Amino acid sequence: MERTGFEPFGEQLVSAPDTQPRSRTSKLLLRAGTGLFWSLVAGIVLARAAFFEPGIYDGFSRVASLAKSLIF
């Protein structure tokens, strides 16, 4: 007998095997989308590492220390 899961309000939960793509096309699209997503993530991280300027936030620390001295 198959176990059926219910959420607290009585709605039937979809089991994990039902959510997997069944056709070859949907599996291919899933892999292509996942690959595109992670390649964009890697590209953004590498671009930020390549164009990072270490002193860009120095102005903020001066403003924060000024605000701290005015408050306390």
C-alpha atoms as a PDB file:
ATOM      1  CA  MET A   1       0.000   0.000   0.000  1.00  0.00           C
ATOM      2  CA  GLU A   2       1.340   3.427  -0.938  1.00  0.00           C
ATOM      3  CA  ARG A   3       1.739   6.072   1.746  1.00  0.00           C
ATOM      4  CA  THR A   4       0.067   9.349   0.941  1.00  0.00           C
ATOM      5  CA  GLY A   5       1.253  12.525   2.616  1.00  0.00           C
ATOM      6  CA  PHE A   6      -1.031  15.295   3.753  1.00  0.00           C
ATOM      7  CA  GLU A   7      -0.196  18.793   4.873  1.00  0.00           C
ATOM      8  CA  PRO A   8      -1.739  20.158   8.107  1.00  0.00           C
ATOM      9  CA  PHE A   9      -4.776  21.587   6.286  1.00  0.00           C
ATOM     10  CA  GLY A  10      -5.641  18.275   4.640  1.00  0.00           C
ATOM     11  CA  GLU A  11      -4.301  18.894   1.142  1.00  0.00           C
ATOM     12  CA  GLN A  12      -2.660  15.879  -0.446  1.00  0.00           C
ATOM     13  CA  LEU A  13       1.071  16.302  -1.040  1.00  0.00           C
ATOM     14  CA  VAL A  14       2.615  15.265  -4.342  1.00  0.00           C
ATOM     15  CA  SER A  15       5.109  12.471  -3.880  1.00  0.00           C
ATOM     16  CA  ALA A  16       8.682  12.884  -5.119  1.00  0.00           C
ATOM     17  CA  PRO A  17       8.499  10.411  -8.048  1.00  0.00           C
ATOM     18  CA  ASP A  18       5.543  12.349  -9.471  1.00  0.00           C
ATOM     19  CA  THR A  19       7.584  15.566  -9.727  1.00  0.00           C
ATOM     20  CA  GLN A  20      10.384  14.094 -11.858  1.00  0.00           C
ATOM     21  CA  PRO A  21      10.266  14.878 -15.577  1.00  0.00           C
ATOM     22  CA  ARG A  22       9.134  11.879 -17.595  1.00  0.00           C
ATOM     23  CA  SER A  23       9.938  12.710 -21.204  1.00  0.00           C
ATOM     24  CA  ARG A  24      13.372  12.986 -22.752  1.00  0.00           C
ATOM     25  CA  THR A  25      12.682  16.561 -23.879  1.00  0.00           C
ATOM     26  CA  SER A  26      11.810  17.746 -20.389  1.00  0.00           C
ATOM     27  CA  LYS A  27      14.941  16.110 -18.972  1.00  0.00           C
ATOM     28  CA  LEU A  28      17.018  17.835 -21.647  1.00  0.00           C
ATOM     29  CA  LEU A  29      15.399  21.198 -20.924  1.00  0.00           C
ATOM     30  CA  LEU A  30      15.937  20.723 -17.200  1.00  0.00           C
ATOM     31  CA  ARG A  31      19.641  20.003 -17.716  1.00  0.00           C
ATOM     32  CA  ALA A  32      20.033  22.914 -20.146  1.00  0.00           C
ATOM     33  CA  GLY A  33      18.346  25.318 -17.739  1.00  0.00           C
ATOM     34  CA  THR A  34      20.412  24.098 -14.817  1.00  0.00           C
ATOM     35  CA  GLY A  35      23.609  24.399 -16.829  1.00  0.00           C
ATOM     36  CA  LEU A  36      22.694  27.911 -17.969  1.00  0.00           C
ATOM     37  CA  PHE A  37      21.907  28.983 -14.409  1.00  0.00           C
ATOM     38  CA  TRP A  38      25.181  27.715 -12.954  1.00  0.00           C
ATOM     39  CA  SER A  39      27.238  29.112 -15.828  1.00  0.00           C
ATOM     40  CA  LEU A  40      25.677  32.532 -15.189  1.00  0.00           C
ATOM     41  CA  VAL A  41      26.459  32.198 -11.476  1.00  0.00           C
ATOM     42  CA  ALA A  42      30.077  31.304 -12.235  1.00  0.00           C
ATOM     43  CA  GLY A  43      30.360  34.176 -14.741  1.00  0.00           C
ATOM     44  CA  ILE A  44      29.047  36.712 -12.245  1.00  0.00           C
ATOM     45  CA  VAL A  45      31.364  35.494  -9.492  1.00  0.00           C
ATOM     46  CA  LEU A  46      34.394  35.541 -11.800  1.00  0.00           C
ATOM     47  CA  ALA A  47      33.512  39.013 -13.120  1.00  0.00           C
ATOM     48  CA  ARG A  48      33.179  40.365  -9.595  1.00  0.00           C
ATOM     49  CA  ALA A  49      36.523  38.833  -8.661  1.00  0.00           C
ATOM     50  CA  ALA A  50      38.193  40.290 -11.765  1.00  0.00           C
ATOM     51  CA  PHE A  51      36.829  43.823 -11.375  1.00  0.00           C
ATOM     52  CA  PHE A  52      36.819  44.125  -7.583  1.00  0.00           C
ATOM     53  CA  GLU A  53      38.188  47.394  -6.248  1.00  0.00           C
ATOM     54  CA  PRO A  54      39.361  46.969  -2.644  1.00  0.00           C
ATOM     55  CA  GLY A  55      38.959  50.628  -1.628  1.00  0.00           C
ATOM     56  CA  ILE A  56      35.441  51.121  -2.945  1.00  0.00           C
ATOM     57  CA  TYR A  57      33.796  50.881   0.481  1.00  0.00           C
ATOM     58  CA  ASP A  58      36.217  53.161   2.359  1.00  0.00           C
ATOM     59  CA  GLY A  59      33.817  56.086   2.057  1.00  0.00           C
ATOM     60  CA  PHE A  60      31.078  54.124   3.775  1.00  0.00           C
ATOM     61  CA  SER A  61      33.294  53.248   6.729  1.00  0.00           C
ATOM     62  CA  ARG A  62      34.128  56.945   7.209  1.00  0.00           C
ATOM     63  CA  VAL A  63      30.439  57.878   7.144  1.00  0.00           C
ATOM     64  CA  ALA A  64      29.621  55.040   9.539  1.00  0.00           C
ATOM     65  CA  SER A  65      32.337  56.096  11.998  1.00  0.00           C
ATOM     66  CA  LEU A  66      31.140  59.716  11.798  1.00  0.00           C
ATOM     67  CA  ALA A  67      27.555  58.634  12.491  1.00  0.00           C
ATOM     68  CA  LYS A  68      28.708  56.475  15.377  1.00  0.00           C
ATOM     69  CA  SER A  69      30.641  59.356  16.922  1.00  0.00           C
ATOM     70  CA  LEU A  70      27.619  61.654  16.590  1.00  0.00           C
ATOM     71  CA  ILE A  71      25.232  59.129  18.161  1.00  0.00           C
ATOM     72  CA  PHE A  72      27.438  57.901  21.006  1.00  0.00           C
END
